[in-house]
Structure formats: C-alpha cells, structure tokens
Amino acid sequence: MTACPNLFAGLPAQADEEIFETLLARPGLRVERILSAGQASPPGFWYDQDGDEWVAVLQGSAELRFADEPAPRLLAAGDHLLIPAHRRHRVERTANPTIWLAVHCAPR
C-alpha cells in the first residue's frame, strides 16, 4: 500500500522566504501548500490575480488586507475565504509557521 502524503510533513525548521509547493495541477486548476514563516507582502505591493483563489489556514495565523476594506482580516487555523479574480489584496503578517492550502482557479 502506498503512503499518503501529509500536509504537515516535510516542513523545514527555518525559511527565509515563503515556500510554495504544488500538490495538484490540472488545466485551469492548481492546488498548493504554502509555508510562511513570518513573511509579509513587500510595502506597497498588492496581488492582482487573473483567477479566483480559495485559501485556508491549516496552522498558524495571518492578516490579509484588501484594497477595498479599511482593516485587515485575521485568519486563524481553520479559517478560509475566496479571493475573487482581480480583488487586490496583500499579506500584512504571518505567524511562524503558518501553513496555507491554496486553490487557484482559471478565470471564468
């Protein structure tokens, strides 16, 4: 019997940059595990993606800021949300470690 991969296995003890690992890729779909270790988006930088992104925090916490909202949203373990295409957002902070599961969908 083949062992099943574990989302919490194989994590480095220290990471200077976020680590993105593609778990599944199909036309129009990408699932990835993201490991954050206290990183945040650079000052003034905003993500503006062509497709929708669904994110879930599996471990740790993060603050996401949306350009059209006055305050950041705190995400704790178990929290998830859908970020529609072209909704400008940034990561204000992450706990060390924070493990995300992200699903990227092609534009509709």
Protein backbone atom coordinates (compact mmCIF):
# COMPACT_ATOMS: atom_id res chain seq x y z
CA MET A 1 0.00 0.00 0.00
CA THR A 2 1.30 3.47 -0.90
CA ALA A 3 1.68 6.01 1.89
CA CYS A 4 -0.46 9.14 1.68
CA PRO A 5 1.38 12.47 1.72
CA ASN A 6 0.77 14.60 4.80
CA LEU A 7 0.29 18.38 4.61
CA PHE A 8 2.21 18.81 7.87
CA ALA A 9 5.19 16.60 6.92
CA GLY A 10 8.49 17.69 5.42
CA LEU A 11 8.43 21.22 6.78
CA PRO A 12 11.78 22.98 7.13
CA ALA A 13 12.83 24.22 10.55
CA GLN A 14 13.57 27.70 9.17
CA ALA A 15 12.62 29.51 5.94
CA ASP A 16 13.83 32.95 4.87
CA GLU A 17 11.19 33.10 2.14
CA GLU A 18 7.75 31.60 1.71
CA ILE A 19 7.78 28.08 0.29
CA PHE A 20 5.23 27.18 -2.39
CA GLU A 21 4.65 23.50 -3.19
CA THR A 22 2.26 22.46 -5.97
CA LEU A 23 0.22 19.48 -4.81
CA LEU A 24 -2.02 19.13 -7.87
CA ALA A 25 -2.08 20.85 -11.25
CA ARG A 26 -4.68 20.44 -13.97
CA PRO A 27 -5.76 22.75 -16.77
CA GLY A 28 -7.39 25.71 -15.04
CA LEU A 29 -6.65 24.44 -11.52
CA ARG A 30 -3.66 24.47 -9.15
CA VAL A 31 -3.61 23.35 -5.51
CA GLU A 32 -0.61 24.35 -3.42
CA ARG A 33 0.71 24.22 0.09
CA ILE A 34 2.30 27.46 1.22
CA LEU A 35 4.60 27.68 4.21
CA SER A 36 5.02 31.16 5.68
CA ALA A 37 7.48 31.88 8.45
CA GLY A 38 6.67 35.43 9.47
CA GLN A 39 6.73 36.86 5.95
CA ALA A 40 4.51 39.66 4.66
CA SER A 41 3.96 41.30 1.29
CA PRO A 42 6.54 44.00 0.46
CA PRO A 43 5.44 47.56 1.30
CA GLY A 44 3.15 48.94 -1.39
CA PHE A 45 2.75 45.55 -3.14
CA TRP A 46 -0.73 44.22 -3.97
CA TYR A 47 -1.65 40.89 -5.51
CA ASP A 48 -3.98 41.32 -8.51
CA GLN A 49 -4.57 37.82 -9.88
CA ASP A 50 -6.34 36.80 -13.09
CA GLY A 51 -8.14 33.85 -11.46
CA ASP A 52 -10.01 33.16 -8.24
CA GLU A 53 -8.06 31.89 -5.23
CA TRP A 54 -9.50 30.00 -2.28
CA VAL A 55 -7.21 29.93 0.75
CA ALA A 56 -7.38 28.12 4.07
CA VAL A 57 -5.06 28.48 7.06
CA LEU A 58 -4.27 24.99 8.32
CA GLN A 59 -1.85 26.06 11.07
CA GLY A 60 -0.76 29.42 12.41
CA SER A 61 -2.38 32.72 11.55
CA ALA A 62 -2.21 35.57 9.08
CA GLU A 63 -3.61 39.01 8.38
CA LEU A 64 -4.87 39.72 4.87
CA ARG A 65 -5.65 43.24 3.75
CA PHE A 66 -7.96 44.00 0.83
CA ALA A 67 -7.59 47.29 -1.02
CA ASP A 68 -11.34 47.89 -0.73
CA GLU A 69 -11.59 47.29 3.06
CA PRO A 70 -10.43 49.63 5.83
CA ALA A 71 -8.91 46.99 8.13
CA PRO A 72 -7.09 43.68 7.68
CA ARG A 73 -8.82 40.35 8.22
CA LEU A 74 -7.33 37.99 10.79
CA LEU A 75 -7.26 34.37 9.67
CA ALA A 76 -6.63 31.68 12.28
CA ALA A 77 -6.26 27.92 11.85
CA GLY A 78 -9.38 26.59 10.17
CA ASP A 79 -10.41 29.90 8.59
CA HIS A 80 -10.83 30.08 4.83
CA LEU A 81 -12.02 32.54 2.20
CA LEU A 82 -12.44 33.05 -1.52
CA ILE A 83 -10.48 35.86 -3.15
CA PRO A 84 -12.19 36.70 -6.45
CA ALA A 85 -10.08 37.45 -9.51
CA HIS A 86 -8.64 40.98 -9.55
CA ARG A 87 -9.56 41.73 -5.95
CA ARG A 88 -6.40 43.46 -4.81
CA HIS A 89 -5.00 42.04 -1.58
CA ARG A 90 -1.80 41.69 0.39
CA VAL A 91 -0.44 39.72 3.33
CA GLU A 92 0.13 42.05 6.28
CA ARG A 93 1.73 39.43 8.54
CA THR A 94 2.02 35.71 9.17
CA ALA A 95 2.84 33.70 12.26
CA ASN A 96 5.89 31.45 12.21
CA PRO A 97 4.93 28.92 10.99
CA THR A 98 1.74 29.35 9.02
CA ILE A 99 0.63 26.59 6.67
CA TRP A 100 -1.85 27.54 3.96
CA LEU A 101 -3.76 25.48 1.45
CA ALA A 102 -4.47 27.49 -1.71
CA VAL A 103 -6.63 26.55 -4.68
CA HIS A 104 -6.16 28.67 -7.81
CA CYS A 105 -8.88 28.55 -10.48
CA ALA A 106 -8.65 29.82 -14.04
CA PRO A 107 -10.65 32.92 -14.89
CA ARG A 108 -14.32 32.27 -15.55
